[in-house]
Amino acid sequence: MNIRKATLEDTLAIAKVHVDSWQSAYRGLLPDERLDRMDHIRGAQHFHESITREPEAFYVAEDEDGIIGVLALGPCRDQKADGTSIGEVYALYLAPTHWRRGVGSLMMNTAELLLKTGGYSRIILWTFEGNERARVFYEAVGFVTDGATRFFDEVGAPVNCVRYGKNL
């Protein structure tokens, strides 16, 4: 397996990982109609724009089957946080066929190394409060909830999110 910077040529494969992951992980957390409307082509357009705007933020995990994971990271986006010392994992998605195979841990290790090398001393991430699989994973790799919460309402229904953090 290899983790590398994403390119614009990767956008359709990234969108497939993203859509398939959301449709598997968030069933029961988000409305079915919202998940069923997700589309690889529209997703690829979104990722094409995002990678064009912030190419340093996106990485992919690939194996002999192709792209199996996507990672996005950078400075902390929280308004009240110090974005020069706190980094953030914006997204970490794996193809459902590769869950629980160690790929997520390798991708998180890569995120931590990249952010630490970039001068960050702390890393945070947000996840849906009801996403137990992700929460167990984040806790297993050393993240701890810090009490911060927020509502995320850009996904078809308001969902409560919790913030996790870890010193680097």
C-alpha atoms as a PDB file:
ATOM      1  CA  MET A   1       0.000   0.000   0.000  1.00  0.00           C
ATOM      2  CA  ASN A   2       1.136   3.530  -0.795  1.00  0.00           C
ATOM      3  CA  ILE A   3      -0.006   6.925   0.494  1.00  0.00           C
ATOM      4  CA  ARG A   4       0.691   9.867  -1.809  1.00  0.00           C
ATOM      5  CA  LYS A   5      -0.530  13.348  -2.684  1.00  0.00           C
ATOM      6  CA  ALA A   6      -3.747  13.323  -4.658  1.00  0.00           C
ATOM      7  CA  THR A   7      -3.781  14.559  -8.253  1.00  0.00           C
ATOM      8  CA  LEU A   8      -6.596  15.876 -10.394  1.00  0.00           C
ATOM      9  CA  GLU A   9      -6.581  12.538 -12.222  1.00  0.00           C
ATOM     10  CA  ASP A  10      -7.608  10.862  -8.950  1.00  0.00           C
ATOM     11  CA  THR A  11     -10.865  12.758  -8.472  1.00  0.00           C
ATOM     12  CA  LEU A  12     -13.290  10.104  -9.761  1.00  0.00           C
ATOM     13  CA  ALA A  13     -11.646   7.393  -7.648  1.00  0.00           C
ATOM     14  CA  ILE A  14     -11.655   9.710  -4.619  1.00  0.00           C
ATOM     15  CA  ALA A  15     -15.349  10.433  -5.159  1.00  0.00           C
ATOM     16  CA  LYS A  16     -16.101   6.707  -5.356  1.00  0.00           C
ATOM     17  CA  VAL A  17     -14.355   6.095  -2.019  1.00  0.00           C
ATOM     18  CA  HIS A  18     -16.148   9.092  -0.481  1.00  0.00           C
ATOM     19  CA  VAL A  19     -19.631   8.167  -1.720  1.00  0.00           C
ATOM     20  CA  ASP A  20     -19.303   4.462  -0.954  1.00  0.00           C
ATOM     21  CA  SER A  21     -17.963   5.234   2.518  1.00  0.00           C
ATOM     22  CA  TRP A  22     -20.737   7.704   3.312  1.00  0.00           C
ATOM     23  CA  GLN A  23     -23.439   5.367   2.033  1.00  0.00           C
ATOM     24  CA  SER A  24     -22.130   2.555   4.225  1.00  0.00           C
ATOM     25  CA  ALA A  25     -21.030   4.416   7.364  1.00  0.00           C
ATOM     26  CA  TYR A  26     -23.796   6.990   7.663  1.00  0.00           C
ATOM     27  CA  ARG A  27     -26.847   4.836   6.889  1.00  0.00           C
ATOM     28  CA  GLY A  28     -29.119   5.424   9.882  1.00  0.00           C
ATOM     29  CA  LEU A  29     -27.325   8.674  10.823  1.00  0.00           C
ATOM     30  CA  LEU A  30     -28.361  10.667   7.750  1.00  0.00           C
ATOM     31  CA  PRO A  31     -31.571  10.445   5.729  1.00  0.00           C
ATOM     32  CA  ASP A  32     -31.549   7.589   3.206  1.00  0.00           C
ATOM     33  CA  GLU A  33     -32.705   9.921   0.429  1.00  0.00           C
ATOM     34  CA  ARG A  34     -29.664  12.157   1.038  1.00  0.00           C
ATOM     35  CA  LEU A  35     -27.285   9.212   0.881  1.00  0.00           C
ATOM     36  CA  ASP A  36     -29.017   7.681  -2.148  1.00  0.00           C
ATOM     37  CA  ARG A  37     -28.672  10.962  -4.082  1.00  0.00           C
ATOM     38  CA  MET A  38     -24.894  10.965  -3.729  1.00  0.00           C
ATOM     39  CA  ASP A  39     -23.232  10.607  -7.100  1.00  0.00           C
ATOM     40  CA  HIS A  40     -19.663   9.735  -8.103  1.00  0.00           C
ATOM     41  CA  ILE A  41     -19.628  12.194 -11.025  1.00  0.00           C
ATOM     42  CA  ARG A  42     -20.814  15.168  -8.965  1.00  0.00           C
ATOM     43  CA  GLY A  43     -18.444  14.112  -6.217  1.00  0.00           C
ATOM     44  CA  ALA A  44     -15.557  14.055  -8.687  1.00  0.00           C
ATOM     45  CA  GLN A  45     -16.394  17.621  -9.736  1.00  0.00           C
ATOM     46  CA  HIS A  46     -16.380  18.685  -6.076  1.00  0.00           C
ATOM     47  CA  PHE A  47     -13.012  17.025  -5.421  1.00  0.00           C
ATOM     48  CA  HIS A  48     -11.571  18.455  -8.643  1.00  0.00           C
ATOM     49  CA  GLU A  49     -12.421  21.952  -7.390  1.00  0.00           C
ATOM     50  CA  SER A  50     -11.134  21.212  -3.883  1.00  0.00           C
ATOM     51  CA  ILE A  51      -7.826  19.745  -5.041  1.00  0.00           C
ATOM     52  CA  THR A  52      -7.354  22.621  -7.488  1.00  0.00           C
ATOM     53  CA  ARG A  53      -7.917  25.106  -4.642  1.00  0.00           C
ATOM     54  CA  GLU A  54      -5.857  23.266  -1.974  1.00  0.00           C
ATOM     55  CA  PRO A  55      -3.594  20.651  -3.608  1.00  0.00           C
ATOM     56  CA  GLU A  56      -1.426  20.279  -0.497  1.00  0.00           C
ATOM     57  CA  ALA A  57      -4.420  19.170   1.578  1.00  0.00           C
ATOM     58  CA  PHE A  58      -5.340  15.915  -0.196  1.00  0.00           C
ATOM     59  CA  TYR A  59      -3.732  12.480  -0.075  1.00  0.00           C
ATOM     60  CA  VAL A  60      -4.807   9.063  -1.280  1.00  0.00           C
ATOM     61  CA  ALA A  61      -4.077   5.534  -0.151  1.00  0.00           C
ATOM     62  CA  GLU A  62      -3.732   3.041  -2.965  1.00  0.00           C
ATOM     63  CA  ASP A  63      -3.018  -0.624  -3.342  1.00  0.00           C
ATOM     64  CA  GLU A  64      -3.067  -3.045  -6.255  1.00  0.00           C
ATOM     65  CA  ASP A  65      -6.826  -2.404  -6.597  1.00  0.00           C
ATOM     66  CA  GLY A  66      -6.343   1.367  -7.005  1.00  0.00           C
ATOM     67  CA  ILE A  67      -7.352   4.173  -4.666  1.00  0.00           C
ATOM     68  CA  ILE A  68      -8.865   2.830  -1.459  1.00  0.00           C
ATOM     69  CA  GLY A  69      -8.710   5.846   0.849  1.00  0.00           C
ATOM     70  CA  VAL A  70      -8.685   9.620   0.928  1.00  0.00           C
ATOM     71  CA  LEU A  71      -7.221  11.963   3.529  1.00  0.00           C
ATOM     72  CA  ALA A  72      -7.604  15.738   3.736  1.00  0.00           C
ATOM     73  CA  LEU A  73      -5.781  17.863   6.299  1.00  0.00           C
ATOM     74  CA  GLY A  74      -4.392  21.294   7.024  1.00  0.00           C
ATOM     75  CA  PRO A  75      -4.563  24.152   9.519  1.00  0.00           C
ATOM     76  CA  CYS A  76      -7.344  24.045  12.088  1.00  0.00           C
ATOM     77  CA  ARG A  77     -10.496  25.673  10.709  1.00  0.00           C
ATOM     78  CA  ASP A  78     -12.049  26.459  14.112  1.00  0.00           C
ATOM     79  CA  GLN A  79     -12.405  30.232  14.402  1.00  0.00           C
ATOM     80  CA  LYS A  80     -11.263  30.336  18.038  1.00  0.00           C
ATOM     81  CA  ALA A  81      -8.289  27.988  17.632  1.00  0.00           C
ATOM     82  CA  ASP A  82      -4.720  28.839  16.777  1.00  0.00           C
ATOM     83  CA  GLY A  83      -4.393  27.605  13.193  1.00  0.00           C
ATOM     84  CA  THR A  84      -0.615  27.956  13.340  1.00  0.00           C
ATOM     85  CA  SER A  85      -0.112  25.356  16.069  1.00  0.00           C
ATOM     86  CA  ILE A  86      -3.212  23.178  15.632  1.00  0.00           C
ATOM     87  CA  GLY A  87      -3.684  21.044  12.549  1.00  0.00           C
ATOM     88  CA  GLU A  88      -6.896  19.344  11.519  1.00  0.00           C
ATOM     89  CA  VAL A  89      -7.868  16.159   9.732  1.00  0.00           C
ATOM     90  CA  TYR A  90     -10.714  17.403   7.558  1.00  0.00           C
ATOM     91  CA  ALA A  91     -11.582  13.980   6.160  1.00  0.00           C
ATOM     92  CA  LEU A  92     -10.459  10.379   6.334  1.00  0.00           C
ATOM     93  CA  TYR A  93     -12.481   7.955   4.240  1.00  0.00           C
ATOM     94  CA  LEU A  94     -11.817   4.370   3.252  1.00  0.00           C
ATOM     95  CA  ALA A  95     -13.536   2.099   0.785  1.00  0.00           C
ATOM     96  CA  PRO A  96     -15.819  -0.081   2.950  1.00  0.00           C
ATOM     97  CA  THR A  97     -14.107  -3.188   1.546  1.00  0.00           C
ATOM     98  CA  HIS A  98     -10.912  -2.035   3.286  1.00  0.00           C
ATOM     99  CA  TRP A  99     -12.317  -1.211   6.727  1.00  0.00           C
ATOM    100  CA  ARG A 100     -10.586  -2.869   9.688  1.00  0.00           C
ATOM    101  CA  ARG A 101      -7.484  -3.836   7.710  1.00  0.00           C
ATOM    102  CA  GLY A 102      -5.038  -1.311   9.189  1.00  0.00           C
ATOM    103  CA  VAL A 103      -5.277   1.173   6.320  1.00  0.00           C
ATOM    104  CA  GLY A 104      -7.010   3.806   8.453  1.00  0.00           C
ATOM    105  CA  SER A 105      -4.276   3.575  11.091  1.00  0.00           C
ATOM    106  CA  LEU A 106      -1.575   4.014   8.445  1.00  0.00           C
ATOM    107  CA  MET A 107      -3.416   6.996   7.001  1.00  0.00           C
ATOM    108  CA  MET A 108      -3.805   8.571  10.445  1.00  0.00           C
ATOM    109  CA  ASN A 109      -0.102   7.995  11.157  1.00  0.00           C
ATOM    110  CA  THR A 110       0.645   9.762   7.881  1.00  0.00           C
ATOM    111  CA  ALA A 111      -1.646  12.666   8.844  1.00  0.00           C
ATOM    112  CA  GLU A 112       0.109  13.025  12.184  1.00  0.00           C
ATOM    113  CA  LEU A 113       3.559  12.929  10.584  1.00  0.00           C
ATOM    114  CA  LEU A 114       2.606  15.482   7.906  1.00  0.00           C
ATOM    115  CA  LEU A 115       1.097  17.871  10.434  1.00  0.00           C
ATOM    116  CA  LYS A 116       3.970  17.499  12.893  1.00  0.00           C
ATOM    117  CA  THR A 117       6.480  18.069  10.092  1.00  0.00           C
ATOM    118  CA  GLY A 118       4.427  21.140   9.147  1.00  0.00           C
ATOM    119  CA  GLY A 119       5.037  22.608  12.594  1.00  0.00           C
ATOM    120  CA  TYR A 120       1.761  21.720  14.290  1.00  0.00           C
ATOM    121  CA  SER A 121       1.854  20.547  17.909  1.00  0.00           C
ATOM    122  CA  ARG A 122      -1.771  19.374  18.148  1.00  0.00           C
ATOM    123  CA  ILE A 123      -4.209  17.656  15.824  1.00  0.00           C
ATOM    124  CA  ILE A 124      -8.011  17.768  15.933  1.00  0.00           C
ATOM    125  CA  LEU A 125     -10.860  16.272  13.953  1.00  0.00           C
ATOM    126  CA  TRP A 126     -14.646  16.298  13.996  1.00  0.00           C
ATOM    127  CA  THR A 127     -16.941  13.307  13.633  1.00  0.00           C
ATOM    128  CA  PHE A 128     -20.666  12.675  13.801  1.00  0.00           C
ATOM    129  CA  GLU A 129     -21.621  11.968  17.397  1.00  0.00           C
ATOM    130  CA  GLY A 130     -23.485   8.795  16.404  1.00  0.00           C
ATOM    131  CA  ASN A 131     -20.673   7.405  14.258  1.00  0.00           C
ATOM    132  CA  GLU A 132     -19.574   4.776  16.764  1.00  0.00           C
ATOM    133  CA  ARG A 133     -17.263   2.939  14.351  1.00  0.00           C
ATOM    134  CA  ALA A 134     -15.233   6.108  13.726  1.00  0.00           C
ATOM    135  CA  ARG A 135     -15.243   7.101  17.376  1.00  0.00           C
ATOM    136  CA  VAL A 136     -13.869   3.714  18.445  1.00  0.00           C
ATOM    137  CA  PHE A 137     -11.168   4.026  15.763  1.00  0.00           C
ATOM    138  CA  TYR A 138     -10.138   7.556  16.788  1.00  0.00           C
ATOM    139  CA  GLU A 139      -9.951   6.569  20.440  1.00  0.00           C
ATOM    140  CA  ALA A 140      -7.906   3.470  19.558  1.00  0.00           C
ATOM    141  CA  VAL A 141      -5.295   5.656  17.825  1.00  0.00           C
ATOM    142  CA  GLY A 142      -5.023   8.010  20.807  1.00  0.00           C
ATOM    143  CA  PHE A 143      -7.590  10.765  20.211  1.00  0.00           C
ATOM    144  CA  VAL A 144      -9.717  12.047  23.094  1.00  0.00           C
ATOM    145  CA  THR A 145     -12.920  14.067  22.980  1.00  0.00           C
ATOM    146  CA  ASP A 146     -12.398  17.548  24.332  1.00  0.00           C
ATOM    147  CA  GLY A 147     -16.024  18.489  25.032  1.00  0.00           C
ATOM    148  CA  ALA A 148     -16.541  20.693  21.966  1.00  0.00           C
ATOM    149  CA  THR A 149     -19.646  20.021  19.894  1.00  0.00           C
ATOM    150  CA  ARG A 150     -21.342  21.621  16.910  1.00  0.00           C
ATOM    151  CA  PHE A 151     -24.261  21.004  14.612  1.00  0.00           C
ATOM    152  CA  PHE A 152     -23.461  20.203  11.020  1.00  0.00           C
ATOM    153  CA  ASP A 153     -26.478  20.926   8.850  1.00  0.00           C
ATOM    154  CA  GLU A 154     -25.039  20.714   5.350  1.00  0.00           C
ATOM    155  CA  VAL A 155     -25.839  17.033   4.903  1.00  0.00           C
ATOM    156  CA  GLY A 156     -29.623  17.017   4.583  1.00  0.00           C
ATOM    157  CA  ALA A 157     -30.378  16.928   8.299  1.00  0.00           C
ATOM    158  CA  PRO A 158     -28.752  18.549  11.321  1.00  0.00           C
ATOM    159  CA  VAL A 159     -26.255  16.178  12.902  1.00  0.00           C
ATOM    160  CA  ASN A 160     -24.382  16.745  16.138  1.00  0.00           C
ATOM    161  CA  CYS A 161     -20.607  16.469  15.826  1.00  0.00           C
ATOM    162  CA  VAL A 162     -17.973  15.993  18.509  1.00  0.00           C
ATOM    163  CA  ARG A 163     -14.377  17.132  18.398  1.00  0.00           C
ATOM    164  CA  TYR A 164     -11.408  14.908  19.155  1.00  0.00           C
ATOM    165  CA  GLY A 165      -7.842  16.030  19.769  1.00  0.00           C
ATOM    166  CA  LYS A 166      -4.366  14.681  20.317  1.00  0.00           C
ATOM    167  CA  ASN A 167      -0.989  16.246  21.019  1.00  0.00           C
ATOM    168  CA  LEU A 168       1.673  15.534  18.414  1.00  0.00           C
END
